[in-house]
Amino acid sequence: MDHMIDDSDRLKPCPFCGAEAEIITLEGETDEPSIGAQCVQCTSSACGAASGLVYPLMDDVTDLLLERWNKRHNAVLKRGE
């Protein structure tokens, strides 16, 4: 019997270099406009790819970040396309 593994709660590797990725929260001086924003970032110092910033305000944005990072538009190509 095949066992399906649910990876919906895990970040896929970086689509550019294959390194692991992590969700980070931007920190710094309180007057900086990006403070508190979150994004997904590649852990490779040679790559450094990152998603767009998401400002959580009152909601947990982890699921949104996971969904956006894990989406691969060109993952499956159909014949004839």
PDB file of N, CA and C in Angstrom:
ATOM      1  N   MET A   1       0.839  -1.175   0.000  1.00  0.00           N
ATOM      2  CA  MET A   1       0.000   0.000   0.000  1.00  0.00           C
ATOM      3  C   MET A   1       0.890   1.246   0.000  1.00  0.00           C
ATOM      4  N   ASP A   2       0.602   2.182  -0.887  1.00  0.00           N
ATOM      5  CA  ASP A   2       1.370   3.420  -0.957  1.00  0.00           C
ATOM      6  C   ASP A   2       0.920   4.359   0.145  1.00  0.00           C
ATOM      7  N   HIS A   3       1.896   5.008   0.752  1.00  0.00           N
ATOM      8  CA  HIS A   3       1.592   6.000   1.778  1.00  0.00           C
ATOM      9  C   HIS A   3       1.892   7.372   1.207  1.00  0.00           C
ATOM     10  N   MET A   4       0.900   8.210   1.194  1.00  0.00           N
ATOM     11  CA  MET A   4       1.066   9.569   0.694  1.00  0.00           C
ATOM     12  C   MET A   4       1.637  10.442   1.812  1.00  0.00           C
ATOM     13  N   ILE A   5       2.665  11.194   1.476  1.00  0.00           N
ATOM     14  CA  ILE A   5       3.253  12.115   2.441  1.00  0.00           C
ATOM     15  C   ILE A   5       2.716  13.499   2.136  1.00  0.00           C
ATOM     16  N   ASP A   6       2.145  14.149   3.140  1.00  0.00           N
ATOM     17  CA  ASP A   6       1.598  15.487   2.969  1.00  0.00           C
ATOM     18  C   ASP A   6       2.703  16.506   3.233  1.00  0.00           C
ATOM     19  N   ASP A   7       3.195  17.112   2.159  1.00  0.00           N
ATOM     20  CA  ASP A   7       4.243  18.121   2.278  1.00  0.00           C
ATOM     21  C   ASP A   7       3.696  19.537   2.206  1.00  0.00           C
ATOM     22  N   SER A   8       2.382  19.682   2.358  1.00  0.00           N
ATOM     23  CA  SER A   8       1.776  21.004   2.210  1.00  0.00           C
ATOM     24  C   SER A   8       2.207  21.971   3.309  1.00  0.00           C
ATOM     25  N   ASP A   9       2.767  21.448   4.397  1.00  0.00           N
ATOM     26  CA  ASP A   9       3.210  22.326   5.476  1.00  0.00           C
ATOM     27  C   ASP A   9       4.730  22.506   5.477  1.00  0.00           C
ATOM     28  N   ARG A  10       5.389  22.102   4.380  1.00  0.00           N
ATOM     29  CA  ARG A  10       6.839  22.241   4.266  1.00  0.00           C
ATOM     30  C   ARG A  10       7.180  23.104   3.062  1.00  0.00           C
ATOM     31  N   LEU A  11       8.245  23.874   3.199  1.00  0.00           N
ATOM     32  CA  LEU A  11       8.711  24.680   2.080  1.00  0.00           C
ATOM     33  C   LEU A  11       9.473  23.798   1.101  1.00  0.00           C
ATOM     34  N   LYS A  12       9.206  23.977  -0.179  1.00  0.00           N
ATOM     35  CA  LYS A  12       9.987  23.292  -1.201  1.00  0.00           C
ATOM     36  C   LYS A  12      11.366  23.941  -1.265  1.00  0.00           C
ATOM     37  N   PRO A  13      12.341  23.226  -1.818  1.00  0.00           N
ATOM     38  CA  PRO A  13      13.665  23.844  -1.985  1.00  0.00           C
ATOM     39  C   PRO A  13      13.594  25.055  -2.910  1.00  0.00           C
ATOM     40  N   CYS A  14      14.623  25.858  -2.881  1.00  0.00           N
ATOM     41  CA  CYS A  14      14.714  27.031  -3.742  1.00  0.00           C
ATOM     42  C   CYS A  14      14.588  26.593  -5.203  1.00  0.00           C
ATOM     43  N   PRO A  15      13.727  27.249  -5.983  1.00  0.00           N
ATOM     44  CA  PRO A  15      13.563  26.862  -7.390  1.00  0.00           C
ATOM     45  C   PRO A  15      14.765  27.234  -8.253  1.00  0.00           C
ATOM     46  N   PHE A  16      15.677  28.025  -7.739  1.00  0.00           N
ATOM     47  CA  PHE A  16      16.826  28.470  -8.520  1.00  0.00           C
ATOM     48  C   PHE A  16      18.085  27.649  -8.243  1.00  0.00           C
ATOM     49  N   CYS A  17      18.338  27.343  -6.960  1.00  0.00           N
ATOM     50  CA  CYS A  17      19.581  26.630  -6.634  1.00  0.00           C
ATOM     51  C   CYS A  17      19.358  25.298  -5.931  1.00  0.00           C
ATOM     52  N   GLY A  18      18.147  25.031  -5.456  1.00  0.00           N
ATOM     53  CA  GLY A  18      17.853  23.757  -4.792  1.00  0.00           C
ATOM     54  C   GLY A  18      18.152  23.725  -3.303  1.00  0.00           C
ATOM     55  N   ALA A  19      18.657  24.818  -2.736  1.00  0.00           N
ATOM     56  CA  ALA A  19      18.945  24.867  -1.299  1.00  0.00           C
ATOM     57  C   ALA A  19      17.646  24.952  -0.510  1.00  0.00           C
ATOM     58  N   GLU A  20      17.739  24.707   0.784  1.00  0.00           N
ATOM     59  CA  GLU A  20      16.575  24.826   1.656  1.00  0.00           C
ATOM     60  C   GLU A  20      16.124  26.279   1.734  1.00  0.00           C
ATOM     61  N   ALA A  21      14.882  26.461   2.140  1.00  0.00           N
ATOM     62  CA  ALA A  21      14.322  27.801   2.304  1.00  0.00           C
ATOM     63  C   ALA A  21      13.730  27.905   3.696  1.00  0.00           C
ATOM     64  N   GLU A  22      13.575  29.133   4.168  1.00  0.00           N
ATOM     65  CA  GLU A  22      12.999  29.352   5.491  1.00  0.00           C
ATOM     66  C   GLU A  22      12.159  30.613   5.492  1.00  0.00           C
ATOM     67  N   ILE A  23      11.197  30.653   6.404  1.00  0.00           N
ATOM     68  CA  ILE A  23      10.383  31.846   6.589  1.00  0.00           C
ATOM     69  C   ILE A  23      11.109  32.741   7.578  1.00  0.00           C
ATOM     70  N   ILE A  24      11.276  34.001   7.191  1.00  0.00           N
ATOM     71  CA  ILE A  24      11.953  34.949   8.075  1.00  0.00           C
ATOM     72  C   ILE A  24      11.042  36.142   8.348  1.00  0.00           C
ATOM     73  N   THR A  25      11.279  36.777   9.471  1.00  0.00           N
ATOM     74  CA  THR A  25      10.595  38.010   9.837  1.00  0.00           C
ATOM     75  C   THR A  25      11.630  39.117   9.862  1.00  0.00           C
ATOM     76  N   LEU A  26      11.377  40.198   9.139  1.00  0.00           N
ATOM     77  CA  LEU A  26      12.327  41.302   9.083  1.00  0.00           C
ATOM     78  C   LEU A  26      12.318  42.077  10.391  1.00  0.00           C
ATOM     79  N   GLU A  27      13.502  42.344  10.873  1.00  0.00           N
ATOM     80  CA  GLU A  27      13.671  43.081  12.126  1.00  0.00           C
ATOM     81  C   GLU A  27      14.571  44.275  11.869  1.00  0.00           C
ATOM     82  N   GLY A  28      14.560  45.227  12.773  1.00  0.00           N
ATOM     83  CA  GLY A  28      15.401  46.408  12.636  1.00  0.00           C
ATOM     84  C   GLY A  28      14.856  47.543  13.471  1.00  0.00           C
ATOM     85  N   GLU A  29      15.160  48.748  13.036  1.00  0.00           N
ATOM     86  CA  GLU A  29      14.687  49.940  13.743  1.00  0.00           C
ATOM     87  C   GLU A  29      13.168  50.065  13.593  1.00  0.00           C
ATOM     88  N   THR A  30      12.515  50.567  14.618  1.00  0.00           N
ATOM     89  CA  THR A  30      11.052  50.636  14.635  1.00  0.00           C
ATOM     90  C   THR A  30      10.464  51.575  13.601  1.00  0.00           C
ATOM     91  N   ASP A  31      11.264  52.499  13.046  1.00  0.00           N
ATOM     92  CA  ASP A  31      10.718  53.421  12.058  1.00  0.00           C
ATOM     93  C   ASP A  31      10.899  52.936  10.617  1.00  0.00           C
ATOM     94  N   GLU A  32      11.460  51.757  10.441  1.00  0.00           N
ATOM     95  CA  GLU A  32      11.618  51.201   9.098  1.00  0.00           C
ATOM     96  C   GLU A  32      10.287  50.597   8.652  1.00  0.00           C
ATOM     97  N   PRO A  33       9.862  50.881   7.424  1.00  0.00           N
ATOM     98  CA  PRO A  33       8.541  50.412   6.972  1.00  0.00           C
ATOM     99  C   PRO A  33       8.428  48.901   6.807  1.00  0.00           C
ATOM    100  N   SER A  34       9.540  48.190   6.673  1.00  0.00           N
ATOM    101  CA  SER A  34       9.464  46.738   6.447  1.00  0.00           C
ATOM    102  C   SER A  34       9.497  45.921   7.743  1.00  0.00           C
ATOM    103  N   ILE A  35       9.591  46.549   8.880  1.00  0.00           N
ATOM    104  CA  ILE A  35       9.660  45.841  10.155  1.00  0.00           C
ATOM    105  C   ILE A  35       8.416  44.987  10.352  1.00  0.00           C
ATOM    106  N   GLY A  36       8.623  43.731  10.696  1.00  0.00           N
ATOM    107  CA  GLY A  36       7.517  42.822  10.953  1.00  0.00           C
ATOM    108  C   GLY A  36       7.033  42.079   9.721  1.00  0.00           C
ATOM    109  N   ALA A  37       7.464  42.514   8.544  1.00  0.00           N
ATOM    110  CA  ALA A  37       7.078  41.809   7.318  1.00  0.00           C
ATOM    111  C   ALA A  37       7.748  40.438   7.307  1.00  0.00           C
ATOM    112  N   GLN A  38       7.107  39.491   6.649  1.00  0.00           N
ATOM    113  CA  GLN A  38       7.654  38.147   6.548  1.00  0.00           C
ATOM    114  C   GLN A  38       7.821  37.768   5.085  1.00  0.00           C
ATOM    115  N   CYS A  39       8.783  36.878   4.835  1.00  0.00           N
ATOM    116  CA  CYS A  39       8.987  36.358   3.492  1.00  0.00           C
ATOM    117  C   CYS A  39       9.662  34.999   3.605  1.00  0.00           C
ATOM    118  N   VAL A  40       9.731  34.308   2.481  1.00  0.00           N
ATOM    119  CA  VAL A  40      10.484  33.063   2.400  1.00  0.00           C
ATOM    120  C   VAL A  40      11.792  33.408   1.728  1.00  0.00           C
ATOM    121  N   GLN A  41      12.903  32.882   2.282  1.00  0.00           N
ATOM    122  CA  GLN A  41      14.211  33.203   1.732  1.00  0.00           C
ATOM    123  C   GLN A  41      15.039  31.938   1.597  1.00  0.00           C
ATOM    124  N   CYS A  42      15.784  31.855   0.501  1.00  0.00           N
ATOM    125  CA  CYS A  42      16.718  30.765   0.276  1.00  0.00           C
ATOM    126  C   CYS A  42      17.827  30.869   1.320  1.00  0.00           C
ATOM    127  N   THR A  43      18.271  29.733   1.851  1.00  0.00           N
ATOM    128  CA  THR A  43      19.310  29.746   2.881  1.00  0.00           C
ATOM    129  C   THR A  43      20.719  29.801   2.307  1.00  0.00           C
ATOM    130  N   SER A  44      20.853  29.672   0.994  1.00  0.00           N
ATOM    131  CA  SER A  44      22.170  29.726   0.368  1.00  0.00           C
ATOM    132  C   SER A  44      22.637  31.173   0.252  1.00  0.00           C
ATOM    133  N   SER A  45      23.811  31.467   0.794  1.00  0.00           N
ATOM    134  CA  SER A  45      24.331  32.833   0.702  1.00  0.00           C
ATOM    135  C   SER A  45      24.729  33.170  -0.728  1.00  0.00           C
ATOM    136  N   ALA A  46      24.963  32.160  -1.553  1.00  0.00           N
ATOM    137  CA  ALA A  46      25.319  32.396  -2.951  1.00  0.00           C
ATOM    138  C   ALA A  46      24.095  32.741  -3.791  1.00  0.00           C
ATOM    139  N   CYS A  47      22.906  32.337  -3.348  1.00  0.00           N
ATOM    140  CA  CYS A  47      21.681  32.567  -4.115  1.00  0.00           C
ATOM    141  C   CYS A  47      20.891  33.738  -3.536  1.00  0.00           C
ATOM    142  N   GLY A  48      20.347  33.552  -2.357  1.00  0.00           N
ATOM    143  CA  GLY A  48      19.620  34.628  -1.687  1.00  0.00           C
ATOM    144  C   GLY A  48      18.257  34.957  -2.257  1.00  0.00           C
ATOM    145  N   ALA A  49      17.684  34.074  -3.057  1.00  0.00           N
ATOM    146  CA  ALA A  49      16.346  34.327  -3.603  1.00  0.00           C
ATOM    147  C   ALA A  49      15.340  34.483  -2.459  1.00  0.00           C
ATOM    148  N   ALA A  50      14.350  35.315  -2.675  1.00  0.00           N
ATOM    149  CA  ALA A  50      13.334  35.537  -1.649  1.00  0.00           C
ATOM    150  C   ALA A  50      11.997  35.831  -2.298  1.00  0.00           C
ATOM    151  N   SER A  51      10.946  35.532  -1.554  1.00  0.00           N
ATOM    152  CA  SER A  51       9.590  35.846  -2.010  1.00  0.00           C
ATOM    153  C   SER A  51       9.318  37.313  -1.741  1.00  0.00           C
ATOM    154  N   GLY A  52       8.161  37.759  -2.166  1.00  0.00           N
ATOM    155  CA  GLY A  52       7.732  39.109  -1.833  1.00  0.00           C
ATOM    156  C   GLY A  52       7.403  39.206  -0.350  1.00  0.00           C
ATOM    157  N   LEU A  53       7.446  40.403   0.168  1.00  0.00           N
ATOM    158  CA  LEU A  53       7.129  40.624   1.576  1.00  0.00           C
ATOM    159  C   LEU A  53       5.623  40.551   1.798  1.00  0.00           C
ATOM    160  N   VAL A  54       5.253  39.954   2.927  1.00  0.00           N
ATOM    161  CA  VAL A  54       3.856  39.907   3.349  1.00  0.00           C
ATOM    162  C   VAL A  54       3.801  40.496   4.749  1.00  0.00           C
ATOM    163  N   TYR A  55       2.896  41.435   4.947  1.00  0.00           N
ATOM    164  CA  TYR A  55       2.727  42.076   6.250  1.00  0.00           C
ATOM    165  C   TYR A  55       1.583  41.382   6.983  1.00  0.00           C
ATOM    166  N   PRO A  56       1.878  40.683   8.082  1.00  0.00           N
ATOM    167  CA  PRO A  56       0.862  39.877   8.751  1.00  0.00           C
ATOM    168  C   PRO A  56      -0.267  40.645   9.413  1.00  0.00           C
ATOM    169  N   LEU A  57      -0.056  41.865   9.832  1.00  0.00           N
ATOM    170  CA  LEU A  57      -1.054  42.641  10.568  1.00  0.00           C
ATOM    171  C   LEU A  57      -1.642  41.804  11.704  1.00  0.00           C
ATOM    172  N   MET A  58      -2.859  41.314  11.566  1.00  0.00           N
ATOM    173  CA  MET A  58      -3.484  40.559  12.649  1.00  0.00           C
ATOM    174  C   MET A  58      -3.571  39.057  12.368  1.00  0.00           C
ATOM    175  N   ASP A  59      -3.144  38.622  11.184  1.00  0.00           N
ATOM    176  CA  ASP A  59      -3.297  37.229  10.788  1.00  0.00           C
ATOM    177  C   ASP A  59      -1.956  36.518  10.709  1.00  0.00           C
ATOM    178  N   ASP A  60      -1.985  35.192  10.853  1.00  0.00           N
ATOM    179  CA  ASP A  60      -0.814  34.357  10.633  1.00  0.00           C
ATOM    180  C   ASP A  60      -0.710  34.146   9.125  1.00  0.00           C
ATOM    181  N   VAL A  61       0.422  34.498   8.536  1.00  0.00           N
ATOM    182  CA  VAL A  61       0.574  34.415   7.082  1.00  0.00           C
ATOM    183  C   VAL A  61       1.415  33.214   6.643  1.00  0.00           C
ATOM    184  N   THR A  62       1.697  32.300   7.551  1.00  0.00           N
ATOM    185  CA  THR A  62       2.527  31.138   7.229  1.00  0.00           C
ATOM    186  C   THR A  62       1.957  30.347   6.056  1.00  0.00           C
ATOM    187  N   ASP A  63       0.672  30.042   6.083  1.00  0.00           N
ATOM    188  CA  ASP A  63       0.066  29.259   5.002  1.00  0.00           C
ATOM    189  C   ASP A  63       0.159  29.986   3.662  1.00  0.00           C
ATOM    190  N   LEU A  64      -0.043  31.284   3.664  1.00  0.00           N
ATOM    191  CA  LEU A  64       0.050  32.072   2.438  1.00  0.00           C
ATOM    192  C   LEU A  64       1.477  32.038   1.886  1.00  0.00           C
ATOM    193  N   LEU A  65       2.472  32.209   2.761  1.00  0.00           N
ATOM    194  CA  LEU A  65       3.861  32.161   2.326  1.00  0.00           C
ATOM    195  C   LEU A  65       4.220  30.790   1.760  1.00  0.00           C
ATOM    196  N   LEU A  66       3.781  29.731   2.444  1.00  0.00           N
ATOM    197  CA  LEU A  66       4.023  28.370   1.954  1.00  0.00           C
ATOM    198  C   LEU A  66       3.419  28.167   0.575  1.00  0.00           C
ATOM    199  N   GLU A  67       2.170  28.567   0.410  1.00  0.00           N
ATOM    200  CA  GLU A  67       1.471  28.392  -0.863  1.00  0.00           C
ATOM    201  C   GLU A  67       2.183  29.131  -1.989  1.00  0.00           C
ATOM    202  N   ARG A  68       2.554  30.367  -1.748  1.00  0.00           N
ATOM    203  CA  ARG A  68       3.194  31.171  -2.791  1.00  0.00           C
ATOM    204  C   ARG A  68       4.577  30.633  -3.146  1.00  0.00           C
ATOM    205  N   TRP A  69       5.377  30.260  -2.138  1.00  0.00           N
ATOM    206  CA  TRP A  69       6.736  29.766  -2.399  1.00  0.00           C
ATOM    207  C   TRP A  69       6.692  28.409  -3.099  1.00  0.00           C
ATOM    208  N   ASN A  70       5.802  27.548  -2.680  1.00  0.00           N
ATOM    209  CA  ASN A  70       5.755  26.185  -3.210  1.00  0.00           C
ATOM    210  C   ASN A  70       5.135  26.083  -4.601  1.00  0.00           C
ATOM    211  N   LYS A  71       4.490  27.137  -5.057  1.00  0.00           N
ATOM    212  CA  LYS A  71       3.852  27.107  -6.374  1.00  0.00           C
ATOM    213  C   LYS A  71       4.930  27.138  -7.451  1.00  0.00           C
ATOM    214  N   ARG A  72       4.852  26.173  -8.357  1.00  0.00           N
ATOM    215  CA  ARG A  72       5.808  26.094  -9.461  1.00  0.00           C
ATOM    216  C   ARG A  72       5.012  26.117 -10.764  1.00  0.00           C
ATOM    217  N   HIS A  73       5.035  27.229 -11.450  1.00  0.00           N
ATOM    218  CA  HIS A  73       4.227  27.395 -12.649  1.00  0.00           C
ATOM    219  C   HIS A  73       4.634  26.462 -13.775  1.00  0.00           C
ATOM    220  N   ASN A  74       5.892  26.138 -13.890  1.00  0.00           N
ATOM    221  CA  ASN A  74       6.363  25.321 -14.991  1.00  0.00           C
ATOM    222  C   ASN A  74       6.693  23.889 -14.560  1.00  0.00           C
ATOM    223  N   ALA A  75       6.150  23.433 -13.463  1.00  0.00           N
ATOM    224  CA  ALA A  75       6.484  22.113 -12.936  1.00  0.00           C
ATOM    225  C   ALA A  75       6.022  20.978 -13.843  1.00  0.00           C
ATOM    226  N   VAL A  76       4.861  21.114 -14.440  1.00  0.00           N
ATOM    227  CA  VAL A  76       4.320  20.065 -15.300  1.00  0.00           C
ATOM    228  C   VAL A  76       3.956  20.685 -16.640  1.00  0.00           C
ATOM    229  N   LEU A  77       4.620  20.225 -17.683  1.00  0.00           N
ATOM    230  CA  LEU A  77       4.306  20.709 -19.022  1.00  0.00           C
ATOM    231  C   LEU A  77       3.511  19.624 -19.743  1.00  0.00           C
ATOM    232  N   LYS A  78       2.416  20.024 -20.345  1.00  0.00           N
ATOM    233  CA  LYS A  78       1.585  19.083 -21.092  1.00  0.00           C
ATOM    234  C   LYS A  78       2.085  19.023 -22.533  1.00  0.00           C
ATOM    235  N   ARG A  79       1.884  17.878 -23.147  1.00  0.00           N
ATOM    236  CA  ARG A  79       2.273  17.743 -24.568  1.00  0.00           C
ATOM    237  C   ARG A  79       1.483  18.717 -25.419  1.00  0.00           C
ATOM    238  N   GLY A  80       2.172  19.278 -26.385  1.00  0.00           N
ATOM    239  CA  GLY A  80       1.519  20.200 -27.294  1.00  0.00           C
ATOM    240  C   GLY A  80       1.541  21.639 -26.848  1.00  0.00           C
ATOM    241  N   GLU A  81       2.109  21.896 -25.681  1.00  0.00           N
ATOM    242  CA  GLU A  81       2.150  23.281 -25.198  1.00  0.00           C
ATOM    243  C   GLU A  81       3.487  23.904 -25.532  1.00  0.00           C
TER     244      GLU A  81
END
